[in-house]
Amino acid sequence: MVKILIIEDEENMKILMEAKLSKHYEIYTANNGKEAYELLENIVVDLLLVDVMMPIMNGYELIEKLRKERITTPAIMITAKAEVMDKIKGFTSGADDYMTKPIDFDELECRIKAILRRNKINRDKTIVINEVIINSENLTIKKGLKINYLPQKEFQLLFQLLSYPEIIFTKNELLENIWGNETNSDETTIRTHINRLRDKVSEYSEFEIITIRGLGYKGVIYDEKQ
């Protein structure tokens, strides 16, 4: 079972979060950053839910300390501070996501699942959708006994879009992420590769690449098993 550490000094909030999440996850709790840091010396968890304003060691300080020690456990910061600069500080310290109070627990559940999924993709270098396995080490899509090999750029496009399903990427973002400083690349390059990619993956009902007119592209996953 996935293990989550809730770091929250407000007792009622901590009890509420534990009650909501313990149905699906194994929950540990800490009252401040120092207590959480000491706890993490003895246990390994899959995700941190970190309040920002805490005594002894606050959320920013905890995440910065963990990242300096190369502890990469994903972290969602949860705080009443909603200013843009507070969010920037949270991400700069090493947080993976940021939510403001009061917490919508349906949204929190979605964010938890998204982060855990991306973390698994980064760790395993594969995307698994039902019987389909998309492997970044050998640029293949496997379903049953059939294996399809994709050219590198087309594969990178697919992997990027399906690593962040429902997230819209602009053409410029895809160019920067995949082609980098290659001077001959432009928006036509993206369209050409997307069209080729769609032709090659049209046989898979498990996922699709959608054009969002005027914005860019997104990957959609269907019937993924939780």
C-alpha atoms as a PDB file:
ATOM      1  CA  MET A   1       0.000   0.000   0.000  1.00  0.00           C
ATOM      2  CA  VAL A   2       1.161   3.532  -0.795  1.00  0.00           C
ATOM      3  CA  LYS A   3       2.567   5.313   2.260  1.00  0.00           C
ATOM      4  CA  ILE A   4       1.871   9.011   2.859  1.00  0.00           C
ATOM      5  CA  LEU A   5       3.355  11.214   5.563  1.00  0.00           C
ATOM      6  CA  ILE A   6       1.116  14.108   6.665  1.00  0.00           C
ATOM      7  CA  ILE A   7       3.095  16.940   8.268  1.00  0.00           C
ATOM      8  CA  GLU A   8       0.644  19.325   9.922  1.00  0.00           C
ATOM      9  CA  ASP A   9       0.706  21.141  13.269  1.00  0.00           C
ATOM     10  CA  GLU A  10      -3.023  21.902  13.354  1.00  0.00           C
ATOM     11  CA  GLU A  11      -4.480  18.874  15.129  1.00  0.00           C
ATOM     12  CA  ASN A  12      -8.012  19.033  13.684  1.00  0.00           C
ATOM     13  CA  MET A  13      -6.730  19.366  10.130  1.00  0.00           C
ATOM     14  CA  LYS A  14      -4.302  16.500  10.650  1.00  0.00           C
ATOM     15  CA  ILE A  15      -7.059  14.238  11.998  1.00  0.00           C
ATOM     16  CA  LEU A  16      -9.375  15.168   9.114  1.00  0.00           C
ATOM     17  CA  MET A  17      -6.719  14.504   6.468  1.00  0.00           C
ATOM     18  CA  GLU A  18      -5.810  11.177   8.041  1.00  0.00           C
ATOM     19  CA  ALA A  19      -9.490  10.133   8.180  1.00  0.00           C
ATOM     20  CA  LYS A  20     -10.056  11.063   4.527  1.00  0.00           C
ATOM     21  CA  LEU A  21      -6.920   9.427   3.144  1.00  0.00           C
ATOM     22  CA  SER A  22      -6.531   6.333   5.317  1.00  0.00           C
ATOM     23  CA  LYS A  23      -9.202   4.529   3.268  1.00  0.00           C
ATOM     24  CA  HIS A  24      -6.753   4.215   0.377  1.00  0.00           C
ATOM     25  CA  TYR A  25      -3.277   4.845   1.820  1.00  0.00           C
ATOM     26  CA  GLU A  26      -1.116   3.912   4.790  1.00  0.00           C
ATOM     27  CA  ILE A  27      -0.816   7.156   6.752  1.00  0.00           C
ATOM     28  CA  TYR A  28       1.941   8.472   9.010  1.00  0.00           C
ATOM     29  CA  THR A  29       1.789  11.860  10.749  1.00  0.00           C
ATOM     30  CA  ALA A  30       4.192  14.440  12.155  1.00  0.00           C
ATOM     31  CA  ASN A  31       3.591  17.749  13.922  1.00  0.00           C
ATOM     32  CA  ASN A  32       6.417  19.762  12.351  1.00  0.00           C
ATOM     33  CA  GLY A  33       9.303  19.547   9.930  1.00  0.00           C
ATOM     34  CA  LYS A  34      11.850  18.434  12.531  1.00  0.00           C
ATOM     35  CA  GLU A  35       9.646  15.553  13.667  1.00  0.00           C
ATOM     36  CA  ALA A  36       9.015  14.565  10.050  1.00  0.00           C
ATOM     37  CA  TYR A  37      12.730  14.659   9.216  1.00  0.00           C
ATOM     38  CA  GLU A  38      13.534  12.376  12.143  1.00  0.00           C
ATOM     39  CA  LEU A  39      10.705  10.026  11.169  1.00  0.00           C
ATOM     40  CA  LEU A  40      12.002   9.809   7.588  1.00  0.00           C
ATOM     41  CA  GLU A  41      15.316   8.502   8.907  1.00  0.00           C
ATOM     42  CA  ASN A  42      13.489   5.306   9.902  1.00  0.00           C
ATOM     43  CA  ILE A  43      10.736   4.860   7.318  1.00  0.00           C
ATOM     44  CA  VAL A  44      10.345   5.258   3.564  1.00  0.00           C
ATOM     45  CA  VAL A  45       7.157   6.871   2.276  1.00  0.00           C
ATOM     46  CA  ASP A  46       5.829   7.501  -1.228  1.00  0.00           C
ATOM     47  CA  LEU A  47       4.503  11.046  -0.739  1.00  0.00           C
ATOM     48  CA  LEU A  48       4.703  13.977   1.662  1.00  0.00           C
ATOM     49  CA  LEU A  49       1.769  16.298   2.419  1.00  0.00           C
ATOM     50  CA  VAL A  50       3.475  19.288   3.997  1.00  0.00           C
ATOM     51  CA  ASP A  51       1.926  22.250   5.772  1.00  0.00           C
ATOM     52  CA  VAL A  52       3.980  25.423   5.309  1.00  0.00           C
ATOM     53  CA  MET A  53       3.565  27.350   8.568  1.00  0.00           C
ATOM     54  CA  MET A  54       4.802  25.078  11.378  1.00  0.00           C
ATOM     55  CA  PRO A  55       6.938  25.604  14.481  1.00  0.00           C
ATOM     56  CA  ILE A  56      10.546  24.412  14.867  1.00  0.00           C
ATOM     57  CA  MET A  57      10.998  23.648  11.135  1.00  0.00           C
ATOM     58  CA  ASN A  58       8.498  24.922   8.573  1.00  0.00           C
ATOM     59  CA  GLY A  59       7.489  23.271   5.307  1.00  0.00           C
ATOM     60  CA  TYR A  60       9.882  25.250   3.119  1.00  0.00           C
ATOM     61  CA  GLU A  61      12.822  24.426   5.397  1.00  0.00           C
ATOM     62  CA  LEU A  62      11.947  20.732   5.504  1.00  0.00           C
ATOM     63  CA  ILE A  63      11.691  20.321   1.723  1.00  0.00           C
ATOM     64  CA  GLU A  64      14.888  22.318   1.122  1.00  0.00           C
ATOM     65  CA  LYS A  65      16.740  20.143   3.645  1.00  0.00           C
ATOM     66  CA  LEU A  66      15.468  16.916   2.068  1.00  0.00           C
ATOM     67  CA  ARG A  67      16.354  18.046  -1.460  1.00  0.00           C
ATOM     68  CA  LYS A  68      19.856  19.100  -0.409  1.00  0.00           C
ATOM     69  CA  GLU A  69      20.319  15.568   0.891  1.00  0.00           C
ATOM     70  CA  ARG A  70      19.037  14.213  -2.447  1.00  0.00           C
ATOM     71  CA  ILE A  71      15.866  12.804  -0.911  1.00  0.00           C
ATOM     72  CA  THR A  72      13.434  13.073  -3.816  1.00  0.00           C
ATOM     73  CA  THR A  73      10.197  11.853  -2.196  1.00  0.00           C
ATOM     74  CA  PRO A  74       7.382  13.776  -3.959  1.00  0.00           C
ATOM     75  CA  ALA A  75       5.839  16.546  -1.844  1.00  0.00           C
ATOM     76  CA  ILE A  76       2.591  18.507  -1.991  1.00  0.00           C
ATOM     77  CA  MET A  77       2.663  21.710   0.028  1.00  0.00           C
ATOM     78  CA  ILE A  78      -0.616  22.630   1.713  1.00  0.00           C
ATOM     79  CA  THR A  79      -1.076  26.130   3.113  1.00  0.00           C
ATOM     80  CA  ALA A  80      -3.440  29.007   3.680  1.00  0.00           C
ATOM     81  CA  LYS A  81      -1.018  31.325   1.850  1.00  0.00           C
ATOM     82  CA  ALA A  82      -2.305  31.757  -1.695  1.00  0.00           C
ATOM     83  CA  GLU A  83      -0.080  34.540  -3.032  1.00  0.00           C
ATOM     84  CA  VAL A  84       1.846  33.809  -6.223  1.00  0.00           C
ATOM     85  CA  MET A  85       5.184  34.469  -4.517  1.00  0.00           C
ATOM     86  CA  ASP A  86       4.336  31.894  -1.829  1.00  0.00           C
ATOM     87  CA  LYS A  87       3.691  29.295  -4.526  1.00  0.00           C
ATOM     88  CA  ILE A  88       6.921  30.218  -6.292  1.00  0.00           C
ATOM     89  CA  LYS A  89       8.797  29.826  -3.015  1.00  0.00           C
ATOM     90  CA  GLY A  90       7.184  26.430  -2.525  1.00  0.00           C
ATOM     91  CA  PHE A  91       8.216  25.169  -5.953  1.00  0.00           C
ATOM     92  CA  THR A  92      11.675  26.691  -5.606  1.00  0.00           C
ATOM     93  CA  SER A  93      12.208  24.837  -2.351  1.00  0.00           C
ATOM     94  CA  GLY A  94      11.561  21.570  -4.173  1.00  0.00           C
ATOM     95  CA  ALA A  95       7.832  20.902  -3.824  1.00  0.00           C
ATOM     96  CA  ASP A  96       6.093  19.004  -6.622  1.00  0.00           C
ATOM     97  CA  ASP A  97       2.675  20.596  -6.157  1.00  0.00           C
ATOM     98  CA  TYR A  98       0.965  23.280  -4.082  1.00  0.00           C
ATOM     99  CA  MET A  99      -2.581  23.469  -2.673  1.00  0.00           C
ATOM    100  CA  THR A 100      -4.264  26.187  -0.634  1.00  0.00           C
ATOM    101  CA  LYS A 101      -6.641  25.715   2.276  1.00  0.00           C
ATOM    102  CA  PRO A 102      -9.505  24.953   2.645  1.00  0.00           C
ATOM    103  CA  ILE A 103      -8.677  21.621   1.016  1.00  0.00           C
ATOM    104  CA  ASP A 104     -10.994  20.047  -1.520  1.00  0.00           C
ATOM    105  CA  PHE A 105     -10.298  16.377  -0.832  1.00  0.00           C
ATOM    106  CA  ASP A 106     -11.496  15.195  -4.237  1.00  0.00           C
ATOM    107  CA  GLU A 107      -8.958  17.536  -5.830  1.00  0.00           C
ATOM    108  CA  LEU A 108      -6.280  16.421  -3.374  1.00  0.00           C
ATOM    109  CA  GLU A 109      -6.939  12.787  -4.280  1.00  0.00           C
ATOM    110  CA  CYS A 110      -6.538  13.609  -7.982  1.00  0.00           C
ATOM    111  CA  ARG A 111      -3.280  15.436  -7.350  1.00  0.00           C
ATOM    112  CA  ILE A 112      -1.939  12.580  -5.227  1.00  0.00           C
ATOM    113  CA  LYS A 113      -2.714  10.052  -7.959  1.00  0.00           C
ATOM    114  CA  ALA A 114      -1.141  12.253 -10.643  1.00  0.00           C
ATOM    115  CA  ILE A 115       2.093  12.739  -8.685  1.00  0.00           C
ATOM    116  CA  LEU A 116       2.383   9.075  -7.744  1.00  0.00           C
ATOM    117  CA  ARG A 117       1.812   8.113 -11.356  1.00  0.00           C
ATOM    118  CA  ARG A 118       4.480  10.498 -12.675  1.00  0.00           C
ATOM    119  CA  ASN A 119       6.909   9.379  -9.993  1.00  0.00           C
ATOM    120  CA  LYS A 120       6.415   5.744 -11.017  1.00  0.00           C
ATOM    121  CA  ILE A 121       6.935   6.669 -14.676  1.00  0.00           C
ATOM    122  CA  ASN A 122      10.175   8.484 -13.843  1.00  0.00           C
ATOM    123  CA  ARG A 123      11.383   5.573 -11.735  1.00  0.00           C
ATOM    124  CA  ASP A 124      10.427   2.724 -14.040  1.00  0.00           C
ATOM    125  CA  LYS A 125      10.835   4.621 -17.339  1.00  0.00           C
ATOM    126  CA  THR A 126       7.607   3.028 -18.529  1.00  0.00           C
ATOM    127  CA  ILE A 127       3.972   3.989 -18.905  1.00  0.00           C
ATOM    128  CA  VAL A 128       1.532   1.125 -18.339  1.00  0.00           C
ATOM    129  CA  ILE A 129      -2.044   1.499 -19.564  1.00  0.00           C
ATOM    130  CA  ASN A 130      -3.974  -1.725 -19.073  1.00  0.00           C
ATOM    131  CA  GLU A 131      -2.131  -4.196 -21.378  1.00  0.00           C
ATOM    132  CA  VAL A 132      -0.068  -1.535 -23.152  1.00  0.00           C
ATOM    133  CA  ILE A 133       3.526  -0.948 -22.023  1.00  0.00           C
ATOM    134  CA  ILE A 134       5.310   2.145 -23.365  1.00  0.00           C
ATOM    135  CA  ASN A 135       9.028   1.739 -22.675  1.00  0.00           C
ATOM    136  CA  SER A 136      11.367   4.724 -22.920  1.00  0.00           C
ATOM    137  CA  GLU A 137      14.539   2.635 -22.768  1.00  0.00           C
ATOM    138  CA  ASN A 138      13.936   0.927 -26.120  1.00  0.00           C
ATOM    139  CA  LEU A 139      11.345   3.329 -27.650  1.00  0.00           C
ATOM    140  CA  THR A 140       8.688   0.639 -27.928  1.00  0.00           C
ATOM    141  CA  ILE A 141       4.978   0.166 -27.468  1.00  0.00           C
ATOM    142  CA  LYS A 142       4.106  -3.370 -26.476  1.00  0.00           C
ATOM    143  CA  LYS A 143       0.656  -4.945 -26.282  1.00  0.00           C
ATOM    144  CA  GLY A 144       0.512  -8.694 -25.865  1.00  0.00           C
ATOM    145  CA  LEU A 145       3.060 -10.226 -28.212  1.00  0.00           C
ATOM    146  CA  LYS A 146       3.099  -7.269 -30.609  1.00  0.00           C
ATOM    147  CA  ILE A 147       5.856  -4.678 -30.315  1.00  0.00           C
ATOM    148  CA  ASN A 148       5.949  -1.398 -32.257  1.00  0.00           C
ATOM    149  CA  TYR A 149       9.144   0.635 -32.480  1.00  0.00           C
ATOM    150  CA  LEU A 150       8.914   4.423 -32.842  1.00  0.00           C
ATOM    151  CA  PRO A 151      11.488   6.956 -34.063  1.00  0.00           C
ATOM    152  CA  GLN A 152      13.053   8.827 -31.158  1.00  0.00           C
ATOM    153  CA  LYS A 153      11.305  12.189 -31.554  1.00  0.00           C
ATOM    154  CA  GLU A 154       7.901  10.630 -32.109  1.00  0.00           C
ATOM    155  CA  PHE A 155       8.377   8.439 -29.067  1.00  0.00           C
ATOM    156  CA  GLN A 156       9.457  11.410 -26.944  1.00  0.00           C
ATOM    157  CA  LEU A 157       6.324  13.282 -27.991  1.00  0.00           C
ATOM    158  CA  LEU A 158       4.129  10.356 -27.025  1.00  0.00           C
ATOM    159  CA  PHE A 159       5.913   9.808 -23.710  1.00  0.00           C
ATOM    160  CA  GLN A 160       5.688  13.491 -22.805  1.00  0.00           C
ATOM    161  CA  LEU A 161       1.967  13.743 -23.549  1.00  0.00           C
ATOM    162  CA  LEU A 162       1.014  10.490 -21.815  1.00  0.00           C
ATOM    163  CA  SER A 163       3.192  11.200 -18.771  1.00  0.00           C
ATOM    164  CA  TYR A 164       0.941  14.189 -18.091  1.00  0.00           C
ATOM    165  CA  PRO A 165      -2.508  13.117 -19.313  1.00  0.00           C
ATOM    166  CA  GLU A 166      -5.079  15.898 -19.793  1.00  0.00           C
ATOM    167  CA  ILE A 167      -2.353  18.563 -19.540  1.00  0.00           C
ATOM    168  CA  ILE A 168      -2.221  20.806 -22.607  1.00  0.00           C
ATOM    169  CA  PHE A 169       1.264  21.414 -24.024  1.00  0.00           C
ATOM    170  CA  THR A 170       1.777  24.271 -26.447  1.00  0.00           C
ATOM    171  CA  LYS A 171       3.805  23.725 -29.611  1.00  0.00           C
ATOM    172  CA  ASN A 172       6.558  25.911 -28.157  1.00  0.00           C
ATOM    173  CA  GLU A 173       6.703  23.846 -24.969  1.00  0.00           C
ATOM    174  CA  LEU A 174       7.010  20.623 -26.951  1.00  0.00           C
ATOM    175  CA  LEU A 175       9.672  22.152 -29.178  1.00  0.00           C
ATOM    176  CA  GLU A 176      11.691  23.271 -26.161  1.00  0.00           C
ATOM    177  CA  ASN A 177      11.281  19.998 -24.254  1.00  0.00           C
ATOM    178  CA  ILE A 178      12.052  17.640 -27.146  1.00  0.00           C
ATOM    179  CA  TRP A 179      13.977  19.522 -29.817  1.00  0.00           C
ATOM    180  CA  GLY A 180      15.789  21.972 -27.543  1.00  0.00           C
ATOM    181  CA  ASN A 181      18.136  24.215 -29.492  1.00  0.00           C
ATOM    182  CA  GLU A 182      17.850  22.446 -32.831  1.00  0.00           C
ATOM    183  CA  THR A 183      17.678  25.438 -35.161  1.00  0.00           C
ATOM    184  CA  ASN A 184      15.736  23.789 -37.983  1.00  0.00           C
ATOM    185  CA  SER A 185      12.761  22.969 -35.768  1.00  0.00           C
ATOM    186  CA  ASP A 186       9.547  25.008 -35.745  1.00  0.00           C
ATOM    187  CA  GLU A 187       5.790  24.534 -35.338  1.00  0.00           C
ATOM    188  CA  THR A 188       5.628  22.704 -38.666  1.00  0.00           C
ATOM    189  CA  THR A 189       8.021  20.146 -37.177  1.00  0.00           C
ATOM    190  CA  ILE A 190       5.576  19.516 -34.334  1.00  0.00           C
ATOM    191  CA  ARG A 191       2.566  19.134 -36.627  1.00  0.00           C
ATOM    192  CA  THR A 192       4.427  16.739 -38.926  1.00  0.00           C
ATOM    193  CA  HIS A 193       5.591  14.524 -36.074  1.00  0.00           C
ATOM    194  CA  ILE A 194       2.186  14.559 -34.376  1.00  0.00           C
ATOM    195  CA  ASN A 195       0.489  13.461 -37.612  1.00  0.00           C
ATOM    196  CA  ARG A 196       2.994  10.649 -38.151  1.00  0.00           C
ATOM    197  CA  LEU A 197       2.651   9.583 -34.546  1.00  0.00           C
ATOM    198  CA  ARG A 198      -1.134   9.484 -34.711  1.00  0.00           C
ATOM    199  CA  ASP A 199      -0.988   7.220 -37.757  1.00  0.00           C
ATOM    200  CA  LYS A 200       1.318   4.806 -35.949  1.00  0.00           C
ATOM    201  CA  VAL A 201      -0.671   4.620 -32.697  1.00  0.00           C
ATOM    202  CA  SER A 202      -4.190   4.717 -34.145  1.00  0.00           C
ATOM    203  CA  GLU A 203      -4.579   0.983 -33.416  1.00  0.00           C
ATOM    204  CA  TYR A 204      -4.461   1.577 -29.651  1.00  0.00           C
ATOM    205  CA  SER A 205      -7.821   2.309 -28.032  1.00  0.00           C
ATOM    206  CA  GLU A 206      -6.152   2.859 -24.652  1.00  0.00           C
ATOM    207  CA  PHE A 207      -4.913   6.369 -25.425  1.00  0.00           C
ATOM    208  CA  GLU A 208      -5.212   9.233 -27.894  1.00  0.00           C
ATOM    209  CA  ILE A 209      -3.481  12.483 -28.810  1.00  0.00           C
ATOM    210  CA  ILE A 210      -5.933  15.368 -28.975  1.00  0.00           C
ATOM    211  CA  THR A 211      -5.434  18.718 -30.718  1.00  0.00           C
ATOM    212  CA  ILE A 212      -6.691  21.669 -28.673  1.00  0.00           C
ATOM    213  CA  ARG A 213      -7.289  24.294 -31.331  1.00  0.00           C
ATOM    214  CA  GLY A 214      -5.325  27.468 -30.731  1.00  0.00           C
ATOM    215  CA  LEU A 215      -3.506  26.010 -27.719  1.00  0.00           C
ATOM    216  CA  GLY A 216      -1.602  22.813 -28.476  1.00  0.00           C
ATOM    217  CA  TYR A 217      -1.916  19.089 -27.750  1.00  0.00           C
ATOM    218  CA  LYS A 218      -2.769  16.782 -24.886  1.00  0.00           C
ATOM    219  CA  GLY A 219      -2.664  13.046 -24.243  1.00  0.00           C
ATOM    220  CA  VAL A 220      -5.819  11.255 -23.119  1.00  0.00           C
ATOM    221  CA  ILE A 221      -5.812   7.861 -21.406  1.00  0.00           C
ATOM    222  CA  TYR A 222      -8.866   5.601 -21.464  1.00  0.00           C
ATOM    223  CA  ASP A 223      -9.856   2.938 -18.961  1.00  0.00           C
ATOM    224  CA  GLU A 224      -6.616   3.000 -17.020  1.00  0.00           C
ATOM    225  CA  LYS A 225      -6.650   0.558 -14.100  1.00  0.00           C
ATOM    226  CA  GLN A 226      -5.968   2.167 -10.756  1.00  0.00           C
END
